[in-house]
PDB file of N, CA and C in Angstrom:
ATOM      1  N   MET A   1      12.573  -1.493   2.123  1.00  0.00           N
ATOM      2  CA  MET A   1      11.158  -1.747   1.898  1.00  0.00           C
ATOM      3  C   MET A   1      10.589  -0.594   1.070  1.00  0.00           C
ATOM      4  N   ARG A   2       9.823  -0.938   0.077  1.00  0.00           N
ATOM      5  CA  ARG A   2       9.215   0.082  -0.789  1.00  0.00           C
ATOM      6  C   ARG A   2       7.738   0.202  -0.444  1.00  0.00           C
ATOM      7  N   ILE A   3       7.371   1.355   0.074  1.00  0.00           N
ATOM      8  CA  ILE A   3       5.972   1.641   0.401  1.00  0.00           C
ATOM      9  C   ILE A   3       5.547   2.849  -0.419  1.00  0.00           C
ATOM     10  N   GLU A   4       4.411   2.745  -1.069  1.00  0.00           N
ATOM     11  CA  GLU A   4       3.918   3.830  -1.906  1.00  0.00           C
ATOM     12  C   GLU A   4       2.526   4.241  -1.453  1.00  0.00           C
ATOM     13  N   ARG A   5       2.130   5.424  -1.872  1.00  0.00           N
ATOM     14  CA  ARG A   5       0.769   5.892  -1.613  1.00  0.00           C
ATOM     15  C   ARG A   5      -0.211   4.891  -2.215  1.00  0.00           C
ATOM     16  N   GLY A   6      -1.232   4.530  -1.466  1.00  0.00           N
ATOM     17  CA  GLY A   6      -2.221   3.568  -1.937  1.00  0.00           C
ATOM     18  C   GLY A   6      -1.986   2.157  -1.419  1.00  0.00           C
ATOM     19  N   ASN A   7      -0.786   1.888  -0.854  1.00  0.00           N
ATOM     20  CA  ASN A   7      -0.524   0.571  -0.269  1.00  0.00           C
ATOM     21  C   ASN A   7      -1.300   0.392   1.024  1.00  0.00           C
ATOM     22  N   ILE A   8      -1.703  -0.830   1.287  1.00  0.00           N
ATOM     23  CA  ILE A   8      -2.267  -1.178   2.593  1.00  0.00           C
ATOM     24  C   ILE A   8      -1.129  -1.804   3.385  1.00  0.00           C
ATOM     25  N   ILE A   9      -0.900  -1.276   4.589  1.00  0.00           N
ATOM     26  CA  ILE A   9       0.186  -1.779   5.422  1.00  0.00           C
ATOM     27  C   ILE A   9      -0.355  -2.308   6.737  1.00  0.00           C
ATOM     28  N   GLN A  10       0.463  -3.125   7.382  1.00  0.00           N
ATOM     29  CA  GLN A  10       0.144  -3.663   8.707  1.00  0.00           C
ATOM     30  C   GLN A  10       1.357  -3.422   9.588  1.00  0.00           C
ATOM     31  N   TRP A  11       1.132  -3.098  10.863  1.00  0.00           N
ATOM     32  CA  TRP A  11       2.228  -2.872  11.791  1.00  0.00           C
ATOM     33  C   TRP A  11       1.794  -3.235  13.195  1.00  0.00           C
ATOM     34  N   VAL A  12       2.775  -3.369  14.078  1.00  0.00           N
ATOM     35  CA  VAL A  12       2.521  -3.743  15.463  1.00  0.00           C
ATOM     36  C   VAL A  12       2.841  -2.544  16.349  1.00  0.00           C
ATOM     37  N   SER A  13       1.905  -2.219  17.241  1.00  0.00           N
ATOM     38  CA  SER A  13       2.123  -1.123  18.186  1.00  0.00           C
ATOM     39  C   SER A  13       1.583  -1.547  19.545  1.00  0.00           C
ATOM     40  N   ARG A  14       1.642  -0.649  20.484  1.00  0.00           N
ATOM     41  CA  ARG A  14       1.101  -0.941  21.810  1.00  0.00           C
ATOM     42  C   ARG A  14      -0.404  -1.235  21.747  1.00  0.00           C
ATOM     43  N   ALA A  15      -1.069  -0.693  20.728  1.00  0.00           N
ATOM     44  CA  ALA A  15      -2.506  -0.924  20.536  1.00  0.00           C
ATOM     45  C   ALA A  15      -2.783  -2.265  19.863  1.00  0.00           C
ATOM     46  N   GLY A  16      -1.736  -3.030  19.566  1.00  0.00           N
ATOM     47  CA  GLY A  16      -1.905  -4.324  18.927  1.00  0.00           C
ATOM     48  C   GLY A  16      -1.502  -4.263  17.462  1.00  0.00           C
ATOM     49  N   LYS A  17      -1.976  -5.236  16.693  1.00  0.00           N
ATOM     50  CA  LYS A  17      -1.676  -5.291  15.263  1.00  0.00           C
ATOM     51  C   LYS A  17      -2.710  -4.444  14.530  1.00  0.00           C
ATOM     52  N   LEU A  18      -2.227  -3.447  13.792  1.00  0.00           N
ATOM     53  CA  LEU A  18      -3.101  -2.512  13.094  1.00  0.00           C
ATOM     54  C   LEU A  18      -2.823  -2.570  11.599  1.00  0.00           C
ATOM     55  N   LYS A  19      -3.813  -2.190  10.802  1.00  0.00           N
ATOM     56  CA  LYS A  19      -3.578  -2.053   9.366  1.00  0.00           C
ATOM     57  C   LYS A  19      -4.352  -0.860   8.848  1.00  0.00           C
ATOM     58  N   GLY A  20      -3.846  -0.289   7.754  1.00  0.00           N
ATOM     59  CA  GLY A  20      -4.487   0.880   7.179  1.00  0.00           C
ATOM     60  C   GLY A  20      -3.920   1.207   5.811  1.00  0.00           C
ATOM     61  N   LEU A  21      -4.476   2.235   5.200  1.00  0.00           N
ATOM     62  CA  LEU A  21      -4.142   2.664   3.851  1.00  0.00           C
ATOM     63  C   LEU A  21      -3.203   3.866   3.905  1.00  0.00           C
ATOM     64  N   VAL A  22      -2.078   3.784   3.198  1.00  0.00           N
ATOM     65  CA  VAL A  22      -1.145   4.904   3.121  1.00  0.00           C
ATOM     66  C   VAL A  22      -1.733   5.929   2.154  1.00  0.00           C
ATOM     67  N   SER A  23      -2.126   7.093   2.680  1.00  0.00           N
ATOM     68  CA  SER A  23      -2.768   8.102   1.841  1.00  0.00           C
ATOM     69  C   SER A  23      -1.819   9.220   1.423  1.00  0.00           C
ATOM     70  N   GLU A  24      -0.708   9.370   2.134  1.00  0.00           N
ATOM     71  CA  GLU A  24       0.208  10.485   1.852  1.00  0.00           C
ATOM     72  C   GLU A  24       1.583  10.130   2.382  1.00  0.00           C
ATOM     73  N   ILE A  25       2.612  10.521   1.649  1.00  0.00           N
ATOM     74  CA  ILE A  25       3.995  10.415   2.115  1.00  0.00           C
ATOM     75  C   ILE A  25       4.625  11.775   1.884  1.00  0.00           C
ATOM     76  N   ARG A  26       5.224  12.345   2.930  1.00  0.00           N
ATOM     77  CA  ARG A  26       5.805  13.682   2.792  1.00  0.00           C
ATOM     78  C   ARG A  26       7.040  13.825   3.661  1.00  0.00           C
ATOM     79  N   LEU A  27       7.829  14.819   3.370  1.00  0.00           N
ATOM     80  CA  LEU A  27       9.008  15.147   4.169  1.00  0.00           C
ATOM     81  C   LEU A  27       8.626  16.225   5.165  1.00  0.00           C
ATOM     82  N   ASP A  28       9.063  16.034   6.406  1.00  0.00           N
ATOM     83  CA  ASP A  28       8.801  17.019   7.455  1.00  0.00           C
ATOM     84  C   ASP A  28       9.813  16.822   8.564  1.00  0.00           C
ATOM     85  N   LEU A  29       9.819  17.701   9.530  1.00  0.00           N
ATOM     86  CA  LEU A  29      10.763  17.628  10.636  1.00  0.00           C
ATOM     87  C   LEU A  29      10.319  16.613  11.686  1.00  0.00           C
ATOM     88  N   ASN A  30      11.289  15.952  12.304  1.00  0.00           N
ATOM     89  CA  ASN A  30      11.003  15.093  13.461  1.00  0.00           C
ATOM     90  C   ASN A  30      11.310  15.883  14.735  1.00  0.00           C
ATOM     91  N   ALA A  31      11.265  15.231  15.883  1.00  0.00           N
ATOM     92  CA  ALA A  31      11.473  15.914  17.162  1.00  0.00           C
ATOM     93  C   ALA A  31      12.883  16.500  17.283  1.00  0.00           C
ATOM     94  N   ALA A  32      13.848  15.899  16.598  1.00  0.00           N
ATOM     95  CA  ALA A  32      15.228  16.393  16.625  1.00  0.00           C
ATOM     96  C   ALA A  32      15.469  17.467  15.565  1.00  0.00           C
ATOM     97  N   GLN A  33      14.386  17.962  14.930  1.00  0.00           N
ATOM     98  CA  GLN A  33      14.463  18.997  13.902  1.00  0.00           C
ATOM     99  C   GLN A  33      15.252  18.550  12.670  1.00  0.00           C
ATOM    100  N   GLN A  34      15.180  17.233  12.380  1.00  0.00           N
ATOM    101  CA  GLN A  34      15.792  16.688  11.172  1.00  0.00           C
ATOM    102  C   GLN A  34      14.683  16.352  10.185  1.00  0.00           C
ATOM    103  N   VAL A  35      14.954  16.554   8.917  1.00  0.00           N
ATOM    104  CA  VAL A  35      13.975  16.237   7.888  1.00  0.00           C
ATOM    105  C   VAL A  35      13.939  14.722   7.673  1.00  0.00           C
ATOM    106  N   CYS A  36      12.736  14.152   7.685  1.00  0.00           N
ATOM    107  CA  CYS A  36      12.568  12.726   7.403  1.00  0.00           C
ATOM    108  C   CYS A  36      11.207  12.500   6.751  1.00  0.00           C
ATOM    109  N   ALA A  37      11.011  11.315   6.217  1.00  0.00           N
ATOM    110  CA  ALA A  37       9.757  10.972   5.549  1.00  0.00           C
ATOM    111  C   ALA A  37       8.715  10.546   6.583  1.00  0.00           C
ATOM    112  N   TRP A  38       7.466  10.939   6.346  1.00  0.00           N
ATOM    113  CA  TRP A  38       6.334  10.571   7.190  1.00  0.00           C
ATOM    114  C   TRP A  38       5.222  10.030   6.299  1.00  0.00           C
ATOM    115  N   MET A  39       4.512   9.008   6.766  1.00  0.00           N
ATOM    116  CA  MET A  39       3.374   8.437   6.042  1.00  0.00           C
ATOM    117  C   MET A  39       2.104   8.724   6.815  1.00  0.00           C
ATOM    118  N   MET A  40       1.087   9.238   6.154  1.00  0.00           N
ATOM    119  CA  MET A  40      -0.227   9.356   6.773  1.00  0.00           C
ATOM    120  C   MET A  40      -0.985   8.075   6.448  1.00  0.00           C
ATOM    121  N   VAL A  41      -1.453   7.395   7.494  1.00  0.00           N
ATOM    122  CA  VAL A  41      -2.186   6.143   7.329  1.00  0.00           C
ATOM    123  C   VAL A  41      -3.623   6.381   7.786  1.00  0.00           C
ATOM    124  N   VAL A  42      -4.577   6.098   6.897  1.00  0.00           N
ATOM    125  CA  VAL A  42      -5.994   6.321   7.176  1.00  0.00           C
ATOM    126  C   VAL A  42      -6.733   4.982   7.165  1.00  0.00           C
ATOM    127  N   ASP A  43      -7.997   5.019   7.569  1.00  0.00           N
ATOM    128  CA  ASP A  43      -8.831   3.815   7.632  1.00  0.00           C
ATOM    129  C   ASP A  43      -8.154   2.723   8.453  1.00  0.00           C
ATOM    130  N   VAL A  44      -7.571   3.123   9.584  1.00  0.00           N
ATOM    131  CA  VAL A  44      -6.839   2.198  10.446  1.00  0.00           C
ATOM    132  C   VAL A  44      -7.825   1.333  11.219  1.00  0.00           C
ATOM    133  N   VAL A  45      -7.612   0.016  11.183  1.00  0.00           N
ATOM    134  CA  VAL A  45      -8.443  -0.914  11.939  1.00  0.00           C
ATOM    135  C   VAL A  45      -7.543  -1.816  12.774  1.00  0.00           C
ATOM    136  N   ASN A  46      -8.069  -2.239  13.931  1.00  0.00           N
ATOM    137  CA  ASN A  46      -7.312  -3.146  14.786  1.00  0.00           C
ATOM    138  C   ASN A  46      -7.692  -4.588  14.471  1.00  0.00           C
ATOM    139  N   GLU A  47      -7.179  -5.517  15.255  1.00  0.00           N
ATOM    140  CA  GLU A  47      -7.428  -6.947  15.025  1.00  0.00           C
ATOM    141  C   GLU A  47      -8.902  -7.317  15.155  1.00  0.00           C
ATOM    142  N   ASP A  48      -9.662  -6.544  15.924  1.00  0.00           N
ATOM    143  CA  ASP A  48     -11.081  -6.812  16.120  1.00  0.00           C
ATOM    144  C   ASP A  48     -11.950  -6.151  15.057  1.00  0.00           C
ATOM    145  N   GLY A  49     -11.323  -5.458  14.105  1.00  0.00           N
ATOM    146  CA  GLY A  49     -12.062  -4.786  13.050  1.00  0.00           C
ATOM    147  C   GLY A  49     -12.613  -3.430  13.453  1.00  0.00           C
ATOM    148  N   GLU A  50     -12.197  -2.919  14.618  1.00  0.00           N
ATOM    149  CA  GLU A  50     -12.659  -1.614  15.085  1.00  0.00           C
ATOM    150  C   GLU A  50     -11.788  -0.520  14.478  1.00  0.00           C
ATOM    151  N   PHE A  51     -12.421   0.558  14.018  1.00  0.00           N
ATOM    152  CA  PHE A  51     -11.678   1.681  13.441  1.00  0.00           C
ATOM    153  C   PHE A  51     -10.946   2.443  14.532  1.00  0.00           C
ATOM    154  N   GLN A  52      -9.730   2.867  14.216  1.00  0.00           N
ATOM    155  CA  GLN A  52      -8.881   3.652  15.102  1.00  0.00           C
ATOM    156  C   GLN A  52      -8.663   5.022  14.459  1.00  0.00           C
ATOM    157  N   ASN A  53      -7.957   5.896  15.150  1.00  0.00           N
ATOM    158  CA  ASN A  53      -7.628   7.208  14.594  1.00  0.00           C
ATOM    159  C   ASN A  53      -6.625   7.075  13.456  1.00  0.00           C
ATOM    160  N   ASN A  54      -6.663   8.010  12.517  1.00  0.00           N
ATOM    161  CA  ASN A  54      -5.630   8.077  11.487  1.00  0.00           C
ATOM    162  C   ASN A  54      -4.315   8.420  12.167  1.00  0.00           C
ATOM    163  N   VAL A  55      -3.195   7.970  11.582  1.00  0.00           N
ATOM    164  CA  VAL A  55      -1.894   8.195  12.212  1.00  0.00           C
ATOM    165  C   VAL A  55      -0.864   8.644  11.185  1.00  0.00           C
ATOM    166  N   TYR A  56       0.176   9.321  11.663  1.00  0.00           N
ATOM    167  CA  TYR A  56       1.379   9.587  10.887  1.00  0.00           C
ATOM    168  C   TYR A  56       2.456   8.663  11.441  1.00  0.00           C
ATOM    169  N   LEU A  57       3.088   7.890  10.572  1.00  0.00           N
ATOM    170  CA  LEU A  57       4.183   7.016  10.971  1.00  0.00           C
ATOM    171  C   LEU A  57       5.473   7.521  10.345  1.00  0.00           C
ATOM    172  N   ASN A  58       6.536   7.494  11.131  1.00  0.00           N
ATOM    173  CA  ASN A  58       7.849   7.835  10.625  1.00  0.00           C
ATOM    174  C   ASN A  58       8.232   6.766   9.598  1.00  0.00           C
ATOM    175  N   ALA A  59       8.727   7.169   8.445  1.00  0.00           N
ATOM    176  CA  ALA A  59       9.003   6.211   7.369  1.00  0.00           C
ATOM    177  C   ALA A  59      10.488   5.906   7.203  1.00  0.00           C
ATOM    178  N   THR A  60      11.268   6.049   8.265  1.00  0.00           N
ATOM    179  CA  THR A  60      12.685   5.677   8.184  1.00  0.00           C
ATOM    180  C   THR A  60      12.812   4.163   8.331  1.00  0.00           C
ATOM    181  N   ASP A  61      13.875   3.595   7.762  1.00  0.00           N
ATOM    182  CA  ASP A  61      14.056   2.140   7.795  1.00  0.00           C
ATOM    183  C   ASP A  61      14.045   1.575   9.214  1.00  0.00           C
ATOM    184  N   GLY A  62      14.747   2.234  10.125  1.00  0.00           N
ATOM    185  CA  GLY A  62      14.814   1.744  11.506  1.00  0.00           C
ATOM    186  C   GLY A  62      13.454   1.695  12.171  1.00  0.00           C
ATOM    187  N   TYR A  63      12.658   2.730  11.970  1.00  0.00           N
ATOM    188  CA  TYR A  63      11.321   2.773  12.587  1.00  0.00           C
ATOM    189  C   TYR A  63      10.402   1.718  11.975  1.00  0.00           C
ATOM    190  N   LEU A  64      10.461   1.564  10.652  1.00  0.00           N
ATOM    191  CA  LEU A  64       9.612   0.569   9.995  1.00  0.00           C
ATOM    192  C   LEU A  64       9.945  -0.840  10.467  1.00  0.00           C
ATOM    193  N   LYS A  65      11.230  -1.137  10.672  1.00  0.00           N
ATOM    194  CA  LYS A  65      11.634  -2.453  11.189  1.00  0.00           C
ATOM    195  C   LYS A  65      11.160  -2.633  12.621  1.00  0.00           C
ATOM    196  N   MET A  66      11.323  -1.596  13.435  1.00  0.00           N
ATOM    197  CA  MET A  66      10.913  -1.672  14.848  1.00  0.00           C
ATOM    198  C   MET A  66       9.407  -1.918  14.970  1.00  0.00           C
ATOM    199  N   MET A  67       8.601  -1.291  14.105  1.00  0.00           N
ATOM    200  CA  MET A  67       7.151  -1.437  14.150  1.00  0.00           C
ATOM    201  C   MET A  67       6.676  -2.660  13.358  1.00  0.00           C
ATOM    202  N   LYS A  68       7.599  -3.411  12.768  1.00  0.00           N
ATOM    203  CA  LYS A  68       7.284  -4.621  11.996  1.00  0.00           C
ATOM    204  C   LYS A  68       6.270  -4.326  10.885  1.00  0.00           C
ATOM    205  N   VAL A  69       6.543  -3.262  10.131  1.00  0.00           N
ATOM    206  CA  VAL A  69       5.644  -2.839   9.047  1.00  0.00           C
ATOM    207  C   VAL A  69       5.755  -3.814   7.887  1.00  0.00           C
ATOM    208  N   GLU A  70       4.596  -4.217   7.350  1.00  0.00           N
ATOM    209  CA  GLU A  70       4.530  -5.090   6.189  1.00  0.00           C
ATOM    210  C   GLU A  70       3.550  -4.492   5.191  1.00  0.00           C
ATOM    211  N   VAL A  71       3.847  -4.629   3.899  1.00  0.00           N
ATOM    212  CA  VAL A  71       2.902  -4.239   2.867  1.00  0.00           C
ATOM    213  C   VAL A  71       2.033  -5.453   2.589  1.00  0.00           C
ATOM    214  N   LEU A  72       0.700  -5.263   2.625  1.00  0.00           N
ATOM    215  CA  LEU A  72      -0.212  -6.386   2.392  1.00  0.00           C
ATOM    216  C   LEU A  72      -0.625  -6.454   0.930  1.00  0.00           C
TER     217      LEU A  72
END
């Protein structure tokens, strides 16, 4: 999956189906101290149109599949 800065994405989490704008993609360490890609997602809204906190999502293929990430 190709996700770029400026894309609007949608994903499923415990908070429900969320969508937001990818504002930044960067490399940083994960909990296992391995370097991986992270996406900062801003202007996050839930299914009811309520704004949520901005989030960083792990941008590895496995995580994106698990969270059912789609580019809108």
